[in-house]
Structures are given as structure tokens and as C-alpha cells.
Amino acid sequence: MDIEIGHFIGCAQRYFYSTNEYKYYLSEGYFYLCDKGRQISKPTEVDHFLKWMAPMQAIDCLFHEHQSWAVNVALLQL
């Protein structure tokens, strides 16, 4: 998908424990507001897909707290 990168929301980090690998990881994200453009190719991985949803629904589905934080900050900037 073609996108236009807009306003920088922020950078956030979260340490989490992987119950699969039994160790801690640092998840770091850089978050931007973006505008969706046109689809430029078909998906390359059959088990991955793009799903658009309402921001509040996305917050409930996100695993890492810093990702939910970014969606909340983005909503305040709209």
C-alpha cells in the first residue's frame, strides 16, 4: 500500500517478557500519522492481511501498551 507519512506522534518503548523464549525484549516504536494511498501490489504472505478498524477497536487489539498510547495520542491530534 502506498502511504503518505504525516505528523510525527512520538517514540515509545516497552520492555516485555516473551513466554515463548523466556527472556525480556525491548519493543521500540516510532509512530506517525499517515494517509492511506492506493494498493500497489498484492500481499506477498498468504497468512498476513491488512485489516482497517476503528481506533478504539485497535486499542483493544494491540498487545504493547506503547502502541495503544500512540493511537490515543493520534486521536488527540485529529
C-alpha atoms as a PDB file:
ATOM      1  CA  MET A   1       0.000   0.000   0.000  1.00  0.00           C
ATOM      2  CA  ASP A   2       1.224   3.435  -0.860  1.00  0.00           C
ATOM      3  CA  ILE A   3       1.123   5.853   2.104  1.00  0.00           C
ATOM      4  CA  GLU A   4       1.920   9.482   2.757  1.00  0.00           C
ATOM      5  CA  ILE A   5       3.786   9.956   6.034  1.00  0.00           C
ATOM      6  CA  GLY A   6       2.490  12.873   8.053  1.00  0.00           C
ATOM      7  CA  HIS A   7       2.988  14.294  11.537  1.00  0.00           C
ATOM      8  CA  PHE A   8       5.389  12.540  13.933  1.00  0.00           C
ATOM      9  CA  ILE A   9       3.477  11.347  17.009  1.00  0.00           C
ATOM     10  CA  GLY A  10       6.419  10.196  19.085  1.00  0.00           C
ATOM     11  CA  CYS A  11       8.771   7.409  20.049  1.00  0.00           C
ATOM     12  CA  ALA A  12       7.928   5.000  22.836  1.00  0.00           C
ATOM     13  CA  GLN A  13       9.465   1.874  24.330  1.00  0.00           C
ATOM     14  CA  ARG A  14       8.252  -1.028  26.401  1.00  0.00           C
ATOM     15  CA  TYR A  15      10.093  -3.956  27.922  1.00  0.00           C
ATOM     16  CA  PHE A  16       8.192  -7.212  27.825  1.00  0.00           C
ATOM     17  CA  TYR A  17       8.824 -10.809  28.742  1.00  0.00           C
ATOM     18  CA  SER A  18       8.497 -13.403  25.990  1.00  0.00           C
ATOM     19  CA  THR A  19       6.818 -16.506  27.364  1.00  0.00           C
ATOM     20  CA  ASN A  20       7.890 -18.356  24.207  1.00  0.00           C
ATOM     21  CA  GLU A  21      11.598 -17.566  24.506  1.00  0.00           C
ATOM     22  CA  TYR A  22      11.782 -16.973  28.285  1.00  0.00           C
ATOM     23  CA  LYS A  23      13.607 -13.664  28.055  1.00  0.00           C
ATOM     24  CA  TYR A  24      12.986  -9.923  28.074  1.00  0.00           C
ATOM     25  CA  TYR A  25      12.845  -7.773  24.954  1.00  0.00           C
ATOM     26  CA  LEU A  26      12.699  -4.036  24.346  1.00  0.00           C
ATOM     27  CA  SER A  27       9.960  -3.138  21.894  1.00  0.00           C
ATOM     28  CA  GLU A  28      10.558   0.319  20.438  1.00  0.00           C
ATOM     29  CA  GLY A  29       8.186   2.152  18.138  1.00  0.00           C
ATOM     30  CA  TYR A  30       8.302   5.350  16.120  1.00  0.00           C
ATOM     31  CA  PHE A  31       4.756   6.498  15.407  1.00  0.00           C
ATOM     32  CA  TYR A  32       3.428   8.776  12.656  1.00  0.00           C
ATOM     33  CA  LEU A  33       0.072   9.871  11.345  1.00  0.00           C
ATOM     34  CA  CYS A  34      -0.244   8.648   7.763  1.00  0.00           C
ATOM     35  CA  ASP A  35      -2.688   8.905   4.901  1.00  0.00           C
ATOM     36  CA  LYS A  36      -3.626   5.734   3.095  1.00  0.00           C
ATOM     37  CA  GLY A  37      -2.954   5.703  -0.627  1.00  0.00           C
ATOM     38  CA  ARG A  38      -3.543   3.160  -3.332  1.00  0.00           C
ATOM     39  CA  GLN A  39      -2.710  -0.520  -3.213  1.00  0.00           C
ATOM     40  CA  ILE A  40       0.493  -1.016  -5.220  1.00  0.00           C
ATOM     41  CA  SER A  41       0.830  -4.799  -5.036  1.00  0.00           C
ATOM     42  CA  LYS A  42      -0.862  -7.932  -3.822  1.00  0.00           C
ATOM     43  CA  PRO A  43       0.100  -9.330  -0.401  1.00  0.00           C
ATOM     44  CA  THR A  44       3.256 -11.456  -0.506  1.00  0.00           C
ATOM     45  CA  GLU A  45       2.439 -13.570   2.560  1.00  0.00           C
ATOM     46  CA  VAL A  46      -0.775 -15.587   2.441  1.00  0.00           C
ATOM     47  CA  ASP A  47      -1.124 -15.687   6.233  1.00  0.00           C
ATOM     48  CA  HIS A  48      -0.877 -11.880   6.630  1.00  0.00           C
ATOM     49  CA  PHE A  49      -3.565  -9.362   5.773  1.00  0.00           C
ATOM     50  CA  LEU A  50      -4.324  -5.689   6.262  1.00  0.00           C
ATOM     51  CA  LYS A  51      -7.400  -5.001   8.377  1.00  0.00           C
ATOM     52  CA  TRP A  52      -8.714  -1.471   8.874  1.00  0.00           C
ATOM     53  CA  MET A  53     -10.622  -0.868  12.096  1.00  0.00           C
ATOM     54  CA  ALA A  54     -11.853   1.955  14.289  1.00  0.00           C
ATOM     55  CA  PRO A  55      -9.117   3.431  16.518  1.00  0.00           C
ATOM     56  CA  MET A  56     -10.815   2.385  19.768  1.00  0.00           C
ATOM     57  CA  GLN A  57     -11.159  -1.168  18.465  1.00  0.00           C
ATOM     58  CA  ALA A  58      -7.469  -1.116  17.505  1.00  0.00           C
ATOM     59  CA  ILE A  59      -6.513  -0.025  21.032  1.00  0.00           C
ATOM     60  CA  ASP A  60      -8.295  -3.084  22.415  1.00  0.00           C
ATOM     61  CA  CYS A  61      -6.448  -5.380  19.975  1.00  0.00           C
ATOM     62  CA  LEU A  62      -2.905  -4.050  20.415  1.00  0.00           C
ATOM     63  CA  PHE A  63      -0.541  -6.109  22.543  1.00  0.00           C
ATOM     64  CA  HIS A  64       2.001  -3.498  23.673  1.00  0.00           C
ATOM     65  CA  GLU A  65       0.921  -0.533  25.799  1.00  0.00           C
ATOM     66  CA  HIS A  66       3.132   1.892  23.874  1.00  0.00           C
ATOM     67  CA  GLN A  67       1.203   1.059  20.688  1.00  0.00           C
ATOM     68  CA  SER A  68      -2.105   1.884  22.393  1.00  0.00           C
ATOM     69  CA  TRP A  69      -0.516   5.071  23.725  1.00  0.00           C
ATOM     70  CA  ALA A  70       0.349   6.118  20.156  1.00  0.00           C
ATOM     71  CA  VAL A  71      -3.220   5.594  18.932  1.00  0.00           C
ATOM     72  CA  ASN A  72      -4.572   7.668  21.852  1.00  0.00           C
ATOM     73  CA  VAL A  73      -2.110  10.481  21.114  1.00  0.00           C
ATOM     74  CA  ALA A  74      -3.028  10.366  17.422  1.00  0.00           C
ATOM     75  CA  LEU A  75      -6.720  10.706  18.284  1.00  0.00           C
ATOM     76  CA  LEU A  76      -5.973  13.841  20.314  1.00  0.00           C
ATOM     77  CA  GLN A  77      -4.180  15.385  17.301  1.00  0.00           C
ATOM     78  CA  LEU A  78      -7.007  14.830  14.810  1.00  0.00           C
END
